[in-house]
Amino acid sequence: MVARVMAIYENRVFKPTVPLALPEGTKVEFALEEARILPFTGAEDEYSQRVENATSLEELFAAMNEAPEDNDYDLCAALNENRRIAGERPLFPPEQKGVTW
């Protein structure tokens, strides 16, 4: 199982920010990446409400087309990292970065 979980490091212990469905004593392996804390603009709440309140696919797609931009997020890199952690080959080899079909 591979999961991405946010945690807070306090008193030399990592504390997950959400409950985990793991039995006590389960050994896990994890990679550390410092979380990016983006400034809160309020647009995220408005966007989330529009997506949640959509009653048709048309409304959902319209809301999703107006999602707040995150220009620092690299979807290909995130997918490759998830596959690397799972022991799988990358979907997007580094030499193909930026190649469009």
PDB file of N, CA and C in Angstrom:
ATOM      1  N   MET A   1       0.840  -1.172   0.000  1.00  0.00           N
ATOM      2  CA  MET A   1       0.000   0.000   0.000  1.00  0.00           C
ATOM      3  C   MET A   1       0.888   1.239   0.000  1.00  0.00           C
ATOM      4  N   VAL A   2       0.560   2.214  -0.828  1.00  0.00           N
ATOM      5  CA  VAL A   2       1.264   3.491  -0.844  1.00  0.00           C
ATOM      6  C   VAL A   2       0.249   4.576  -0.551  1.00  0.00           C
ATOM      7  N   ALA A   3       0.570   5.433   0.398  1.00  0.00           N
ATOM      8  CA  ALA A   3      -0.321   6.543   0.741  1.00  0.00           C
ATOM      9  C   ALA A   3       0.534   7.770   1.004  1.00  0.00           C
ATOM     10  N   ARG A   4       0.021   8.908   0.662  1.00  0.00           N
ATOM     11  CA  ARG A   4       0.700  10.171   0.959  1.00  0.00           C
ATOM     12  C   ARG A   4      -0.061  10.813   2.110  1.00  0.00           C
ATOM     13  N   VAL A   5       0.622  11.008   3.242  1.00  0.00           N
ATOM     14  CA  VAL A   5      -0.018  11.500   4.457  1.00  0.00           C
ATOM     15  C   VAL A   5       0.774  12.692   4.986  1.00  0.00           C
ATOM     16  N   MET A   6       0.072  13.748   5.331  1.00  0.00           N
ATOM     17  CA  MET A   6       0.713  14.890   5.970  1.00  0.00           C
ATOM     18  C   MET A   6       0.923  14.563   7.454  1.00  0.00           C
ATOM     19  N   ALA A   7       2.034  15.015   7.987  1.00  0.00           N
ATOM     20  CA  ALA A   7       2.320  14.808   9.403  1.00  0.00           C
ATOM     21  C   ALA A   7       3.039  16.041   9.938  1.00  0.00           C
ATOM     22  N   ILE A   8       2.987  16.195  11.241  1.00  0.00           N
ATOM     23  CA  ILE A   8       3.683  17.288  11.916  1.00  0.00           C
ATOM     24  C   ILE A   8       4.751  16.661  12.805  1.00  0.00           C
ATOM     25  N   TYR A   9       5.938  17.201  12.770  1.00  0.00           N
ATOM     26  CA  TYR A   9       7.037  16.701  13.585  1.00  0.00           C
ATOM     27  C   TYR A   9       7.074  17.494  14.880  1.00  0.00           C
ATOM     28  N   GLU A  10       6.777  16.829  16.002  1.00  0.00           N
ATOM     29  CA  GLU A  10       6.766  17.465  17.319  1.00  0.00           C
ATOM     30  C   GLU A  10       7.433  16.552  18.329  1.00  0.00           C
ATOM     31  N   ASN A  11       8.302  17.111  19.126  1.00  0.00           N
ATOM     32  CA  ASN A  11       8.977  16.345  20.187  1.00  0.00           C
ATOM     33  C   ASN A  11       9.604  15.061  19.641  1.00  0.00           C
ATOM     34  N   ARG A  12      10.263  15.192  18.479  1.00  0.00           N
ATOM     35  CA  ARG A  12      10.982  14.087  17.840  1.00  0.00           C
ATOM     36  C   ARG A  12      10.075  12.951  17.381  1.00  0.00           C
ATOM     37  N   VAL A  13       8.778  13.242  17.163  1.00  0.00           N
ATOM     38  CA  VAL A  13       7.814  12.234  16.727  1.00  0.00           C
ATOM     39  C   VAL A  13       7.002  12.803  15.568  1.00  0.00           C
ATOM     40  N   PHE A  14       6.779  11.980  14.536  1.00  0.00           N
ATOM     41  CA  PHE A  14       5.914  12.391  13.440  1.00  0.00           C
ATOM     42  C   PHE A  14       4.476  12.070  13.810  1.00  0.00           C
ATOM     43  N   LYS A  15       3.604  13.085  13.759  1.00  0.00           N
ATOM     44  CA  LYS A  15       2.193  12.899  14.105  1.00  0.00           C
ATOM     45  C   LYS A  15       1.349  13.148  12.859  1.00  0.00           C
ATOM     46  N   PRO A  16       0.688  12.080  12.315  1.00  0.00           N
ATOM     47  CA  PRO A  16      -0.154  12.273  11.128  1.00  0.00           C
ATOM     48  C   PRO A  16      -1.278  13.256  11.424  1.00  0.00           C
ATOM     49  N   THR A  17      -1.664  14.023  10.406  1.00  0.00           N
ATOM     50  CA  THR A  17      -2.735  14.999  10.582  1.00  0.00           C
ATOM     51  C   THR A  17      -4.113  14.378  10.370  1.00  0.00           C
ATOM     52  N   VAL A  18      -4.147  13.108   9.953  1.00  0.00           N
ATOM     53  CA  VAL A  18      -5.403  12.373   9.774  1.00  0.00           C
ATOM     54  C   VAL A  18      -5.239  10.999  10.415  1.00  0.00           C
ATOM     55  N   PRO A  19      -6.347  10.375  10.850  1.00  0.00           N
ATOM     56  CA  PRO A  19      -6.238   9.030  11.415  1.00  0.00           C
ATOM     57  C   PRO A  19      -5.776   8.029  10.345  1.00  0.00           C
ATOM     58  N   LEU A  20      -4.965   7.067  10.744  1.00  0.00           N
ATOM     59  CA  LEU A  20      -4.483   6.039   9.819  1.00  0.00           C
ATOM     60  C   LEU A  20      -5.110   4.696  10.168  1.00  0.00           C
ATOM     61  N   ALA A  21      -5.510   3.953   9.152  1.00  0.00           N
ATOM     62  CA  ALA A  21      -6.119   2.637   9.353  1.00  0.00           C
ATOM     63  C   ALA A  21      -5.019   1.577   9.412  1.00  0.00           C
ATOM     64  N   LEU A  22      -4.166   1.682  10.415  1.00  0.00           N
ATOM     65  CA  LEU A  22      -3.069   0.726  10.593  1.00  0.00           C
ATOM     66  C   LEU A  22      -3.128   0.138  11.998  1.00  0.00           C
ATOM     67  N   PRO A  23      -2.905  -1.158  12.107  1.00  0.00           N
ATOM     68  CA  PRO A  23      -2.848  -1.744  13.450  1.00  0.00           C
ATOM     69  C   PRO A  23      -1.619  -1.219  14.210  1.00  0.00           C
ATOM     70  N   GLU A  24      -1.731  -1.135  15.526  1.00  0.00           N
ATOM     71  CA  GLU A  24      -0.605  -0.712  16.358  1.00  0.00           C
ATOM     72  C   GLU A  24       0.596  -1.604  16.067  1.00  0.00           C
ATOM     73  N   GLY A  25       1.755  -1.005  16.011  1.00  0.00           N
ATOM     74  CA  GLY A  25       2.991  -1.752  15.807  1.00  0.00           C
ATOM     75  C   GLY A  25       3.327  -2.026  14.350  1.00  0.00           C
ATOM     76  N   THR A  26       2.501  -1.570  13.426  1.00  0.00           N
ATOM     77  CA  THR A  26       2.781  -1.783  12.011  1.00  0.00           C
ATOM     78  C   THR A  26       4.030  -1.006  11.621  1.00  0.00           C
ATOM     79  N   LYS A  27       4.957  -1.684  10.935  1.00  0.00           N
ATOM     80  CA  LYS A  27       6.154  -1.010  10.449  1.00  0.00           C
ATOM     81  C   LYS A  27       5.838  -0.387   9.109  1.00  0.00           C
ATOM     82  N   VAL A  28       6.268   0.857   8.930  1.00  0.00           N
ATOM     83  CA  VAL A  28       6.057   1.560   7.669  1.00  0.00           C
ATOM     84  C   VAL A  28       7.383   2.159   7.213  1.00  0.00           C
ATOM     85  N   GLU A  29       7.461   2.430   5.936  1.00  0.00           N
ATOM     86  CA  GLU A  29       8.616   3.109   5.372  1.00  0.00           C
ATOM     87  C   GLU A  29       8.104   4.391   4.747  1.00  0.00           C
ATOM     88  N   PHE A  30       8.816   5.494   4.958  1.00  0.00           N
ATOM     89  CA  PHE A  30       8.343   6.738   4.363  1.00  0.00           C
ATOM     90  C   PHE A  30       9.507   7.601   3.921  1.00  0.00           C
ATOM     91  N   ALA A  31       9.215   8.440   2.940  1.00  0.00           N
ATOM     92  CA  ALA A  31      10.184   9.413   2.449  1.00  0.00           C
ATOM     93  C   ALA A  31       9.754  10.780   2.960  1.00  0.00           C
ATOM     94  N   LEU A  32      10.702  11.601   3.317  1.00  0.00           N
ATOM     95  CA  LEU A  32      10.377  12.923   3.854  1.00  0.00           C
ATOM     96  C   LEU A  32      10.462  13.978   2.763  1.00  0.00           C
ATOM     97  N   GLU A  33       9.477  14.832   2.739  1.00  0.00           N
ATOM     98  CA  GLU A  33       9.453  15.974   1.845  1.00  0.00           C
ATOM     99  C   GLU A  33       8.790  17.101   2.618  1.00  0.00           C
ATOM    100  N   GLU A  34       9.495  18.213   2.755  1.00  0.00           N
ATOM    101  CA  GLU A  34       8.906  19.328   3.494  1.00  0.00           C
ATOM    102  C   GLU A  34       7.692  19.843   2.731  1.00  0.00           C
ATOM    103  N   ALA A  35       6.586  20.019   3.440  1.00  0.00           N
ATOM    104  CA  ALA A  35       5.336  20.453   2.815  1.00  0.00           C
ATOM    105  C   ALA A  35       5.451  21.886   2.323  1.00  0.00           C
ATOM    106  N   ARG A  36       4.858  22.127   1.159  1.00  0.00           N
ATOM    107  CA  ARG A  36       4.773  23.495   0.646  1.00  0.00           C
ATOM    108  C   ARG A  36       3.543  24.127   1.279  1.00  0.00           C
ATOM    109  N   ILE A  37       3.723  25.205   1.955  1.00  0.00           N
ATOM    110  CA  ILE A  37       2.603  25.925   2.549  1.00  0.00           C
ATOM    111  C   ILE A  37       2.312  27.123   1.648  1.00  0.00           C
ATOM    112  N   LEU A  38       1.182  27.038   0.960  1.00  0.00           N
ATOM    113  CA  LEU A  38       0.800  28.112   0.056  1.00  0.00           C
ATOM    114  C   LEU A  38      -0.008  29.158   0.813  1.00  0.00           C
ATOM    115  N   PRO A  39       0.137  30.414   0.447  1.00  0.00           N
ATOM    116  CA  PRO A  39      -0.654  31.448   1.114  1.00  0.00           C
ATOM    117  C   PRO A  39      -2.141  31.237   0.841  1.00  0.00           C
ATOM    118  N   PHE A  40      -2.949  31.398   1.870  1.00  0.00           N
ATOM    119  CA  PHE A  40      -4.395  31.230   1.730  1.00  0.00           C
ATOM    120  C   PHE A  40      -4.990  32.499   1.147  1.00  0.00           C
ATOM    121  N   THR A  41      -5.767  32.327   0.068  1.00  0.00           N
ATOM    122  CA  THR A  41      -6.354  33.493  -0.594  1.00  0.00           C
ATOM    123  C   THR A  41      -7.866  33.537  -0.441  1.00  0.00           C
ATOM    124  N   GLY A  42      -8.475  32.464   0.008  1.00  0.00           N
ATOM    125  CA  GLY A  42      -9.931  32.403   0.082  1.00  0.00           C
ATOM    126  C   GLY A  42     -10.528  31.820  -1.184  1.00  0.00           C
ATOM    127  N   ALA A  43      -9.798  31.915  -2.293  1.00  0.00           N
ATOM    128  CA  ALA A  43     -10.286  31.379  -3.568  1.00  0.00           C
ATOM    129  C   ALA A  43     -10.454  29.863  -3.489  1.00  0.00           C
ATOM    130  N   GLU A  44      -9.631  29.204  -2.684  1.00  0.00           N
ATOM    131  CA  GLU A  44      -9.716  27.754  -2.563  1.00  0.00           C
ATOM    132  C   GLU A  44     -11.054  27.328  -1.962  1.00  0.00           C
ATOM    133  N   ASP A  45     -11.514  28.059  -0.942  1.00  0.00           N
ATOM    134  CA  ASP A  45     -12.806  27.728  -0.326  1.00  0.00           C
ATOM    135  C   ASP A  45     -13.950  27.933  -1.308  1.00  0.00           C
ATOM    136  N   GLU A  46     -13.908  29.040  -2.036  1.00  0.00           N
ATOM    137  CA  GLU A  46     -14.955  29.312  -3.016  1.00  0.00           C
ATOM    138  C   GLU A  46     -14.964  28.226  -4.093  1.00  0.00           C
ATOM    139  N   TYR A  47     -13.786  27.854  -4.560  1.00  0.00           N
ATOM    140  CA  TYR A  47     -13.667  26.812  -5.578  1.00  0.00           C
ATOM    141  C   TYR A  47     -14.213  25.484  -5.037  1.00  0.00           C
ATOM    142  N   SER A  48     -13.812  25.116  -3.830  1.00  0.00           N
ATOM    143  CA  SER A  48     -14.276  23.860  -3.230  1.00  0.00           C
ATOM    144  C   SER A  48     -15.798  23.833  -3.109  1.00  0.00           C
ATOM    145  N   GLN A  49     -16.377  24.955  -2.695  1.00  0.00           N
ATOM    146  CA  GLN A  49     -17.835  25.037  -2.579  1.00  0.00           C
ATOM    147  C   GLN A  49     -18.511  24.851  -3.926  1.00  0.00           C
ATOM    148  N   ARG A  50     -17.969  25.487  -4.976  1.00  0.00           N
ATOM    149  CA  ARG A  50     -18.561  25.345  -6.311  1.00  0.00           C
ATOM    150  C   ARG A  50     -18.506  23.900  -6.782  1.00  0.00           C
ATOM    151  N   VAL A  51     -17.388  23.221  -6.556  1.00  0.00           N
ATOM    152  CA  VAL A  51     -17.264  21.812  -6.961  1.00  0.00           C
ATOM    153  C   VAL A  51     -18.240  20.958  -6.158  1.00  0.00           C
ATOM    154  N   GLU A  52     -18.295  21.184  -4.843  1.00  0.00           N
ATOM    155  CA  GLU A  52     -19.173  20.402  -3.970  1.00  0.00           C
ATOM    156  C   GLU A  52     -20.650  20.622  -4.288  1.00  0.00           C
ATOM    157  N   ASN A  53     -21.017  21.829  -4.661  1.00  0.00           N
ATOM    158  CA  ASN A  53     -22.421  22.157  -4.918  1.00  0.00           C
ATOM    159  C   ASN A  53     -22.868  21.884  -6.347  1.00  0.00           C
ATOM    160  N   ALA A  54     -21.960  21.445  -7.210  1.00  0.00           N
ATOM    161  CA  ALA A  54     -22.327  21.174  -8.606  1.00  0.00           C
ATOM    162  C   ALA A  54     -23.378  20.060  -8.644  1.00  0.00           C
ATOM    163  N   THR A  55     -24.420  20.289  -9.416  1.00  0.00           N
ATOM    164  CA  THR A  55     -25.500  19.292  -9.530  1.00  0.00           C
ATOM    165  C   THR A  55     -25.528  18.628 -10.898  1.00  0.00           C
ATOM    166  N   SER A  56     -24.605  19.015 -11.766  1.00  0.00           N
ATOM    167  CA  SER A  56     -24.521  18.386 -13.083  1.00  0.00           C
ATOM    168  C   SER A  56     -23.061  18.366 -13.507  1.00  0.00           C
ATOM    169  N   LEU A  57     -22.753  17.548 -14.495  1.00  0.00           N
ATOM    170  CA  LEU A  57     -21.381  17.520 -15.004  1.00  0.00           C
ATOM    171  C   LEU A  57     -21.013  18.867 -15.623  1.00  0.00           C
ATOM    172  N   GLU A  58     -21.971  19.504 -16.240  1.00  0.00           N
ATOM    173  CA  GLU A  58     -21.720  20.816 -16.839  1.00  0.00           C
ATOM    174  C   GLU A  58     -21.264  21.821 -15.773  1.00  0.00           C
ATOM    175  N   GLU A  59     -21.949  21.856 -14.630  1.00  0.00           N
ATOM    176  CA  GLU A  59     -21.568  22.753 -13.535  1.00  0.00           C
ATOM    177  C   GLU A  59     -20.209  22.359 -12.958  1.00  0.00           C
ATOM    178  N   LEU A  60     -19.976  21.047 -12.830  1.00  0.00           N
ATOM    179  CA  LEU A  60     -18.708  20.562 -12.284  1.00  0.00           C
ATOM    180  C   LEU A  60     -17.547  20.968 -13.183  1.00  0.00           C
ATOM    181  N   PHE A  61     -17.680  20.743 -14.487  1.00  0.00           N
ATOM    182  CA  PHE A  61     -16.611  21.094 -15.414  1.00  0.00           C
ATOM    183  C   PHE A  61     -16.388  22.603 -15.457  1.00  0.00           C
ATOM    184  N   ALA A  62     -17.465  23.380 -15.387  1.00  0.00           N
ATOM    185  CA  ALA A  62     -17.334  24.837 -15.374  1.00  0.00           C
ATOM    186  C   ALA A  62     -16.548  25.286 -14.136  1.00  0.00           C
ATOM    187  N   ALA A  63     -16.849  24.695 -12.988  1.00  0.00           N
ATOM    188  CA  ALA A  63     -16.134  25.037 -11.759  1.00  0.00           C
ATOM    189  C   ALA A  63     -14.670  24.608 -11.854  1.00  0.00           C
ATOM    190  N   MET A  64     -14.435  23.408 -12.377  1.00  0.00           N
ATOM    191  CA  MET A  64     -13.067  22.900 -12.466  1.00  0.00           C
ATOM    192  C   MET A  64     -12.213  23.721 -13.428  1.00  0.00           C
ATOM    193  N   ASN A  65     -12.829  24.278 -14.454  1.00  0.00           N
ATOM    194  CA  ASN A  65     -12.087  25.121 -15.398  1.00  0.00           C
ATOM    195  C   ASN A  65     -11.625  26.429 -14.765  1.00  0.00           C
ATOM    196  N   GLU A  66     -12.205  26.785 -13.625  1.00  0.00           N
ATOM    197  CA  GLU A  66     -11.835  28.023 -12.941  1.00  0.00           C
ATOM    198  C   GLU A  66     -11.052  27.742 -11.656  1.00  0.00           C
ATOM    199  N   ALA A  67     -10.430  26.573 -11.581  1.00  0.00           N
ATOM    200  CA  ALA A  67      -9.655  26.204 -10.400  1.00  0.00           C
ATOM    201  C   ALA A  67      -8.498  27.170 -10.202  1.00  0.00           C
ATOM    202  N   PRO A  68      -8.162  27.478  -8.937  1.00  0.00           N
ATOM    203  CA  PRO A  68      -7.000  28.328  -8.679  1.00  0.00           C
ATOM    204  C   PRO A  68      -5.748  27.660  -9.249  1.00  0.00           C
ATOM    205  N   GLU A  69      -4.889  28.437  -9.880  1.00  0.00           N
ATOM    206  CA  GLU A  69      -3.687  27.880 -10.503  1.00  0.00           C
ATOM    207  C   GLU A  69      -2.615  27.595  -9.467  1.00  0.00           C
ATOM    208  N   ASP A  70      -1.892  26.510  -9.706  1.00  0.00           N
ATOM    209  CA  ASP A  70      -0.739  26.142  -8.897  1.00  0.00           C
ATOM    210  C   ASP A  70       0.388  25.864  -9.885  1.00  0.00           C
ATOM    211  N   ASN A  71       1.077  26.897 -10.293  1.00  0.00           N
ATOM    212  CA  ASN A  71       2.091  26.764 -11.330  1.00  0.00           C
ATOM    213  C   ASN A  71       3.317  25.984 -10.888  1.00  0.00           C
ATOM    214  N   ASP A  72       3.494  25.764  -9.594  1.00  0.00           N
ATOM    215  CA  ASP A  72       4.651  25.027  -9.104  1.00  0.00           C
ATOM    216  C   ASP A  72       4.420  23.523  -9.080  1.00  0.00           C
ATOM    217  N   TYR A  73       3.181  23.076  -9.298  1.00  0.00           N
ATOM    218  CA  TYR A  73       2.863  21.664  -9.204  1.00  0.00           C
ATOM    219  C   TYR A  73       3.182  20.971 -10.518  1.00  0.00           C
ATOM    220  N   ASP A  74       3.977  19.916 -10.475  1.00  0.00           N
ATOM    221  CA  ASP A  74       4.346  19.145 -11.657  1.00  0.00           C
ATOM    222  C   ASP A  74       3.669  17.782 -11.553  1.00  0.00           C
ATOM    223  N   LEU A  75       2.544  17.614 -12.253  1.00  0.00           N
ATOM    224  CA  LEU A  75       1.767  16.382 -12.175  1.00  0.00           C
ATOM    225  C   LEU A  75       2.588  15.178 -12.615  1.00  0.00           C
ATOM    226  N   CYS A  76       3.354  15.307 -13.690  1.00  0.00           N
ATOM    227  CA  CYS A  76       4.169  14.187 -14.170  1.00  0.00           C
ATOM    228  C   CYS A  76       5.181  13.753 -13.103  1.00  0.00           C
ATOM    229  N   ALA A  77       5.814  14.726 -12.460  1.00  0.00           N
ATOM    230  CA  ALA A  77       6.779  14.410 -11.410  1.00  0.00           C
ATOM    231  C   ALA A  77       6.093  13.726 -10.231  1.00  0.00           C
ATOM    232  N   ALA A  78       4.889  14.181  -9.868  1.00  0.00           N
ATOM    233  CA  ALA A  78       4.152  13.570  -8.761  1.00  0.00           C
ATOM    234  C   ALA A  78       3.773  12.125  -9.092  1.00  0.00           C
ATOM    235  N   LEU A  79       3.299  11.886 -10.304  1.00  0.00           N
ATOM    236  CA  LEU A  79       2.958  10.516 -10.708  1.00  0.00           C
ATOM    237  C   LEU A  79       4.193   9.621 -10.702  1.00  0.00           C
ATOM    238  N   ASN A  80       5.293  10.136 -11.229  1.00  0.00           N
ATOM    239  CA  ASN A  80       6.532   9.357 -11.231  1.00  0.00           C
ATOM    240  C   ASN A  80       7.004   9.051  -9.814  1.00  0.00           C
ATOM    241  N   GLU A  81       6.894  10.018  -8.910  1.00  0.00           N
ATOM    242  CA  GLU A  81       7.319   9.798  -7.524  1.00  0.00           C
ATOM    243  C   GLU A  81       6.463   8.734  -6.853  1.00  0.00           C
ATOM    244  N   ASN A  82       5.152   8.773  -7.070  1.00  0.00           N
ATOM    245  CA  ASN A  82       4.276   7.736  -6.513  1.00  0.00           C
ATOM    246  C   ASN A  82       4.654   6.361  -7.041  1.00  0.00           C
ATOM    247  N   ARG A  83       4.956   6.281  -8.341  1.00  0.00           N
ATOM    248  CA  ARG A  83       5.351   5.002  -8.936  1.00  0.00           C
ATOM    249  C   ARG A  83       6.711   4.559  -8.398  1.00  0.00           C
ATOM    250  N   ARG A  84       7.644   5.496  -8.193  1.00  0.00           N
ATOM    251  CA  ARG A  84       8.959   5.151  -7.651  1.00  0.00           C
ATOM    252  C   ARG A  84       8.814   4.557  -6.257  1.00  0.00           C
ATOM    253  N   ILE A  85       7.989   5.187  -5.427  1.00  0.00           N
ATOM    254  CA  ILE A  85       7.772   4.695  -4.063  1.00  0.00           C
ATOM    255  C   ILE A  85       7.157   3.300  -4.083  1.00  0.00           C
ATOM    256  N   ALA A  86       6.293   3.034  -5.072  1.00  0.00           N
ATOM    257  CA  ALA A  86       5.646   1.729  -5.191  1.00  0.00           C
ATOM    258  C   ALA A  86       6.545   0.697  -5.869  1.00  0.00           C
ATOM    259  N   GLY A  87       7.750   1.112  -6.285  1.00  0.00           N
ATOM    260  CA  GLY A  87       8.666   0.180  -6.930  1.00  0.00           C
ATOM    261  C   GLY A  87       8.346  -0.070  -8.398  1.00  0.00           C
ATOM    262  N   GLU A  88       7.616   0.849  -9.015  1.00  0.00           N
ATOM    263  CA  GLU A  88       7.249   0.693 -10.425  1.00  0.00           C
ATOM    264  C   GLU A  88       8.081   1.635 -11.287  1.00  0.00           C
ATOM    265  N   ARG A  89       8.110   1.361 -12.595  1.00  0.00           N
ATOM    266  CA  ARG A  89       8.865   2.218 -13.512  1.00  0.00           C
ATOM    267  C   ARG A  89       8.121   3.543 -13.716  1.00  0.00           C
ATOM    268  N   PRO A  90       8.840   4.608 -14.038  1.00  0.00           N
ATOM    269  CA  PRO A  90       8.174   5.901 -14.247  1.00  0.00           C
ATOM    270  C   PRO A  90       7.306   5.890 -15.503  1.00  0.00           C
ATOM    271  N   LEU A  91       6.202   6.603 -15.450  1.00  0.00           N
ATOM    272  CA  LEU A  91       5.356   6.770 -16.633  1.00  0.00           C
ATOM    273  C   LEU A  91       5.982   7.751 -17.604  1.00  0.00           C
ATOM    274  N   PHE A  92       6.675   8.740 -17.065  1.00  0.00           N
ATOM    275  CA  PHE A  92       7.227   9.822 -17.857  1.00  0.00           C
ATOM    276  C   PHE A  92       8.728   9.903 -17.608  1.00  0.00           C
ATOM    277  N   PRO A  93       9.527   9.248 -18.460  1.00  0.00           N
ATOM    278  CA  PRO A  93      10.982   9.306 -18.274  1.00  0.00           C
ATOM    279  C   PRO A  93      11.475  10.756 -18.314  1.00  0.00           C
ATOM    280  N   PRO A  94      12.488  11.089 -17.500  1.00  0.00           N
ATOM    281  CA  PRO A  94      12.975  12.467 -17.428  1.00  0.00           C
ATOM    282  C   PRO A  94      13.376  13.030 -18.789  1.00  0.00           C
ATOM    283  N   GLU A  95      13.885  12.192 -19.681  1.00  0.00           N
ATOM    284  CA  GLU A  95      14.326  12.698 -20.992  1.00  0.00           C
ATOM    285  C   GLU A  95      13.144  13.142 -21.862  1.00  0.00           C
ATOM    286  N   GLN A  96      11.912  12.804 -21.456  1.00  0.00           N
ATOM    287  CA  GLN A  96      10.728  13.207 -22.222  1.00  0.00           C
ATOM    288  C   GLN A  96      10.004  14.392 -21.574  1.00  0.00           C
ATOM    289  N   LYS A  97      10.606  14.978 -20.538  1.00  0.00           N
ATOM    290  CA  LYS A  97       9.954  16.112 -19.873  1.00  0.00           C
ATOM    291  C   LYS A  97       9.763  17.261 -20.857  1.00  0.00           C
ATOM    292  N   GLY A  98       8.549  17.762 -20.928  1.00  0.00           N
ATOM    293  CA  GLY A  98       8.238  18.859 -21.822  1.00  0.00           C
ATOM    294  C   GLY A  98       7.825  18.440 -23.214  1.00  0.00           C
ATOM    295  N   VAL A  99       7.915  17.131 -23.510  1.00  0.00           N
ATOM    296  CA  VAL A  99       7.534  16.643 -24.828  1.00  0.00           C
ATOM    297  C   VAL A  99       6.013  16.548 -24.886  1.00  0.00           C
ATOM    298  N   THR A 100       5.427  17.127 -25.896  1.00  0.00           N
ATOM    299  CA  THR A 100       3.979  17.020 -26.085  1.00  0.00           C
ATOM    300  C   THR A 100       3.697  16.207 -27.340  1.00  0.00           C
ATOM    301  N   TRP A 101       2.635  15.483 -27.322  1.00  0.00           N
ATOM    302  CA  TRP A 101       2.324  14.587 -28.456  1.00  0.00           C
ATOM    303  C   TRP A 101       1.246  15.167 -29.292  1.00  0.00           C
TER     304      TRP A 101
END
